[in-house]
Amino acid sequence: MEVGVEAGGDEVVVFGGVQARVAEACGDGARGGHRHGPRIGVGGHDEGAERSVILGHTESMNSDTSVMVKPALRMRDLCARTGATPRMIRHYEATGILAPGRTSNGYRSFTEEDVRTVEDARCLIEAGLTAAETADLVGIVCGPAPVTPAEVSAALDRIAERRSLLDARIEELLAARRKLDELREYVEAERL
């Protein structure tokens, strides 16, 4: 964990590749401790959003400030929470769906947002989108960030295109099933 100070005087924590700014302390100041830990603003969001609160073990920043920092999730933790396999997670990283941080020893480190991203990606892939399409659409379709009307329109066009391809494939499969039924009827009538 690295600690620094921004130009405005706010203390900055870098943990697992995520930069966070200490926004305010919670808890009983009279006891000198942080019962609930301070609020950490991640990526500029410190308005109390759920993803902005990081709790866990205490990391000492300096002589008069302690920060509760939630340890980053490891590969096995992410897999256990999402049902994804390590191979799937590595594939999601290779296709750009995930961009995990790295620990000092080179292991991947994941966040709570990565848990949501994997769950959302699995949903999109189960809906028939490719991993590449999912990488392009997961932030627009499921992400917490605001999107433009043009991005939404492009996503809807992509979904409609994928649906057209699935409809065509369904027609091909139905035609193949009809042929198999005809073949079965022929074999039952002529070969039994």
Protein backbone atom coordinates (compact mmCIF):
# COMPACT_ATOMS: atom_id res chain seq x y z
CA MET A 1 0.00 0.00 0.00
CA GLU A 2 1.31 3.41 -0.96
CA VAL A 3 0.27 6.62 0.76
CA GLY A 4 0.56 10.17 -0.59
CA VAL A 5 -1.06 13.59 -0.35
CA GLU A 6 -2.96 15.31 -3.18
CA ALA A 7 -2.47 18.99 -3.96
CA GLY A 8 -5.64 19.83 -1.98
CA GLY A 9 -4.22 18.19 1.16
CA ASP A 10 -6.33 15.01 0.97
CA GLU A 11 -4.48 11.81 1.78
CA VAL A 12 -4.38 9.29 -1.05
CA VAL A 13 -4.11 5.53 -0.67
CA VAL A 14 -3.05 3.24 -3.53
CA PHE A 15 -3.95 -0.36 -2.77
CA GLY A 16 -4.09 -3.17 -5.31
CA GLY A 17 -3.78 -0.72 -8.19
CA VAL A 18 -6.80 1.31 -6.99
CA GLN A 19 -6.28 4.93 -5.99
CA ALA A 20 -8.52 6.08 -3.17
CA ARG A 21 -8.88 9.39 -1.34
CA VAL A 22 -9.78 9.50 2.35
CA ALA A 23 -12.97 11.56 2.41
CA GLU A 24 -14.15 11.49 6.01
CA ALA A 25 -13.83 9.40 9.15
CA CYS A 26 -16.69 7.46 10.74
CA GLY A 27 -16.89 6.17 14.28
CA ASP A 28 -16.14 7.34 17.77
CA GLY A 29 -13.42 9.99 17.67
CA ALA A 30 -13.40 10.27 21.48
CA ARG A 31 -12.10 6.73 21.73
CA GLY A 32 -9.40 7.50 19.19
CA GLY A 33 -10.47 4.69 16.89
CA HIS A 34 -12.49 4.23 13.76
CA ARG A 35 -15.31 1.91 14.65
CA HIS A 36 -16.51 1.71 11.04
CA GLY A 37 -13.39 3.02 9.34
CA PRO A 38 -13.13 6.09 7.15
CA ARG A 39 -14.96 6.57 3.91
CA ILE A 40 -12.70 6.11 0.94
CA GLY A 41 -13.55 7.83 -2.33
CA VAL A 42 -12.55 5.57 -5.24
CA GLY A 43 -12.13 7.01 -8.71
CA GLY A 44 -13.44 10.40 -7.63
CA HIS A 45 -16.70 9.03 -6.19
CA ASP A 46 -16.98 9.85 -2.51
CA GLU A 47 -20.66 10.78 -2.32
CA GLY A 48 -21.42 7.67 -0.26
CA ALA A 49 -21.89 5.25 -3.14
CA GLU A 50 -21.71 1.65 -1.99
CA ARG A 51 -18.57 0.95 -3.98
CA SER A 52 -16.83 3.90 -2.31
CA VAL A 53 -16.69 2.30 1.14
CA ILE A 54 -13.77 -0.02 1.69
CA LEU A 55 -13.71 -1.96 4.97
CA GLY A 56 -11.47 -4.72 6.25
CA HIS A 57 -8.17 -4.88 8.10
CA THR A 58 -6.45 -1.74 9.37
CA GLU A 59 -3.50 -0.34 7.45
CA SER A 60 -1.59 2.44 9.18
CA MET A 61 -1.06 5.53 7.01
CA ASN A 62 0.81 7.77 9.45
CA SER A 63 1.01 8.40 13.17
CA ASP A 64 -2.49 9.85 13.56
CA THR A 65 -4.58 8.24 10.79
CA SER A 66 -5.66 4.64 10.25
CA VAL A 67 -7.53 3.41 7.20
CA MET A 68 -9.71 0.34 7.01
CA VAL A 69 -8.83 -1.26 3.66
CA LYS A 70 -10.57 -4.30 2.25
CA PRO A 71 -8.00 -6.70 0.84
CA ALA A 72 -8.32 -7.24 -2.88
CA LEU A 73 -10.05 -10.42 -4.00
CA ARG A 74 -7.88 -13.19 -5.33
CA MET A 75 -8.70 -15.37 -8.32
CA ARG A 76 -10.13 -18.15 -6.15
CA ASP A 77 -12.30 -15.63 -4.25
CA LEU A 78 -13.71 -14.21 -7.48
CA CYS A 79 -14.39 -17.71 -8.82
CA ALA A 80 -16.10 -18.80 -5.60
CA ARG A 81 -18.35 -15.74 -5.57
CA THR A 82 -19.31 -15.79 -9.26
CA GLY A 83 -19.20 -19.47 -10.21
CA ALA A 84 -16.74 -18.66 -12.98
CA THR A 85 -13.67 -20.83 -13.53
CA PRO A 86 -10.11 -19.44 -13.50
CA ARG A 87 -9.96 -20.16 -17.23
CA MET A 88 -13.08 -18.02 -17.79
CA ILE A 89 -11.61 -15.19 -15.73
CA ARG A 90 -8.37 -15.27 -17.73
CA HIS A 91 -10.42 -15.30 -20.96
CA TYR A 92 -12.43 -12.29 -19.73
CA GLU A 93 -9.14 -10.52 -19.06
CA ALA A 94 -7.75 -11.43 -22.50
CA THR A 95 -10.89 -10.13 -24.25
CA GLY A 96 -11.01 -6.90 -22.26
CA ILE A 97 -14.06 -7.66 -20.13
CA LEU A 98 -11.93 -7.47 -16.97
CA ALA A 99 -8.81 -5.45 -16.24
CA PRO A 100 -7.62 -6.70 -12.85
CA GLY A 101 -4.90 -5.05 -10.86
CA ARG A 102 -1.74 -6.89 -9.93
CA THR A 103 -0.23 -7.43 -6.51
CA SER A 104 3.44 -6.77 -5.85
CA ASN A 105 4.14 -10.45 -6.50
CA GLY A 106 2.27 -10.41 -9.83
CA TYR A 107 -0.97 -12.11 -8.82
CA ARG A 108 -4.23 -10.74 -10.17
CA SER A 109 -6.29 -8.73 -7.69
CA PHE A 110 -9.98 -8.10 -8.16
CA THR A 111 -12.52 -5.69 -6.68
CA GLU A 112 -16.20 -5.84 -5.78
CA GLU A 113 -16.92 -4.16 -9.10
CA ASP A 114 -15.12 -7.04 -10.86
CA VAL A 115 -17.56 -9.44 -9.14
CA ARG A 116 -20.47 -7.51 -10.66
CA THR A 117 -18.72 -7.32 -14.04
CA VAL A 118 -18.22 -11.11 -14.15
CA GLU A 119 -21.85 -11.72 -13.20
CA ASP A 120 -23.04 -9.24 -15.83
CA ALA A 121 -20.68 -10.66 -18.47
CA ARG A 122 -21.90 -14.20 -17.83
CA CYS A 123 -25.48 -12.98 -18.27
CA LEU A 124 -24.66 -11.29 -21.59
CA ILE A 125 -22.75 -14.31 -22.88
CA GLU A 126 -25.62 -16.62 -21.88
CA ALA A 127 -27.88 -14.29 -23.89
CA GLY A 128 -25.88 -15.17 -26.99
CA LEU A 129 -23.33 -12.36 -27.19
CA THR A 130 -19.71 -13.21 -27.91
CA ALA A 131 -16.98 -12.35 -25.43
CA ALA A 132 -15.81 -9.54 -27.72
CA GLU A 133 -19.33 -8.11 -27.93
CA THR A 134 -19.67 -8.47 -24.17
CA ALA A 135 -16.44 -6.53 -23.63
CA ASP A 136 -17.86 -3.69 -25.74
CA LEU A 137 -21.33 -3.73 -24.16
CA VAL A 138 -21.00 -4.73 -20.50
CA GLY A 139 -20.24 -1.20 -19.32
CA ILE A 140 -23.05 0.29 -21.38
CA VAL A 141 -25.70 -2.32 -20.67
CA CYS A 142 -24.90 -3.09 -17.02
CA GLY A 143 -22.31 -0.59 -15.80
CA PRO A 144 -22.87 2.06 -13.14
CA ALA A 145 -21.38 4.88 -15.22
CA PRO A 146 -23.68 7.21 -17.16
CA VAL A 147 -23.96 6.51 -20.87
CA THR A 148 -24.86 8.67 -23.82
CA PRO A 149 -27.94 8.13 -25.99
CA ALA A 150 -25.59 7.31 -28.88
CA GLU A 151 -23.97 4.52 -26.81
CA VAL A 152 -27.37 3.12 -25.87
CA SER A 153 -28.51 3.25 -29.51
CA ALA A 154 -25.34 1.46 -30.66
CA ALA A 155 -25.82 -1.19 -27.96
CA LEU A 156 -29.44 -1.75 -29.00
CA ASP A 157 -28.37 -2.07 -32.65
CA ARG A 158 -25.74 -4.65 -31.64
CA ILE A 159 -28.30 -6.61 -29.62
CA ALA A 160 -30.78 -6.55 -32.52
CA GLU A 161 -28.04 -7.74 -34.88
CA ARG A 162 -27.17 -10.63 -32.55
CA ARG A 163 -30.86 -11.51 -32.24
CA SER A 164 -31.20 -11.63 -36.05
CA LEU A 165 -28.25 -14.01 -36.21
CA LEU A 166 -29.80 -16.19 -33.50
CA ASP A 167 -33.16 -16.18 -35.31
CA ALA A 168 -31.45 -17.36 -38.50
CA ARG A 169 -29.62 -20.09 -36.57
CA ILE A 170 -32.89 -21.20 -34.94
CA GLU A 171 -34.48 -21.52 -38.38
CA GLU A 172 -31.52 -23.65 -39.52
CA LEU A 173 -31.86 -25.87 -36.45
CA LEU A 174 -35.62 -26.24 -36.96
CA ALA A 175 -35.03 -27.24 -40.58
CA ALA A 176 -32.45 -29.80 -39.46
CA ARG A 177 -34.92 -31.18 -36.89
CA ARG A 178 -37.58 -31.53 -39.59
CA LYS A 179 -35.10 -33.47 -41.75
CA LEU A 180 -34.28 -35.76 -38.83
CA ASP A 181 -38.01 -36.40 -38.25
CA GLU A 182 -38.42 -37.28 -41.95
CA LEU A 183 -35.39 -39.59 -41.76
CA ARG A 184 -36.77 -41.31 -38.64
CA GLU A 185 -40.17 -41.80 -40.31
CA TYR A 186 -38.48 -43.28 -43.40
CA VAL A 187 -36.37 -45.67 -41.33
CA GLU A 188 -39.38 -46.79 -39.25
CA ALA A 189 -41.53 -47.31 -42.39
CA GLU A 190 -38.95 -48.90 -44.69
CA ARG A 191 -36.46 -50.64 -42.42
CA LEU A 192 -38.55 -52.19 -39.63
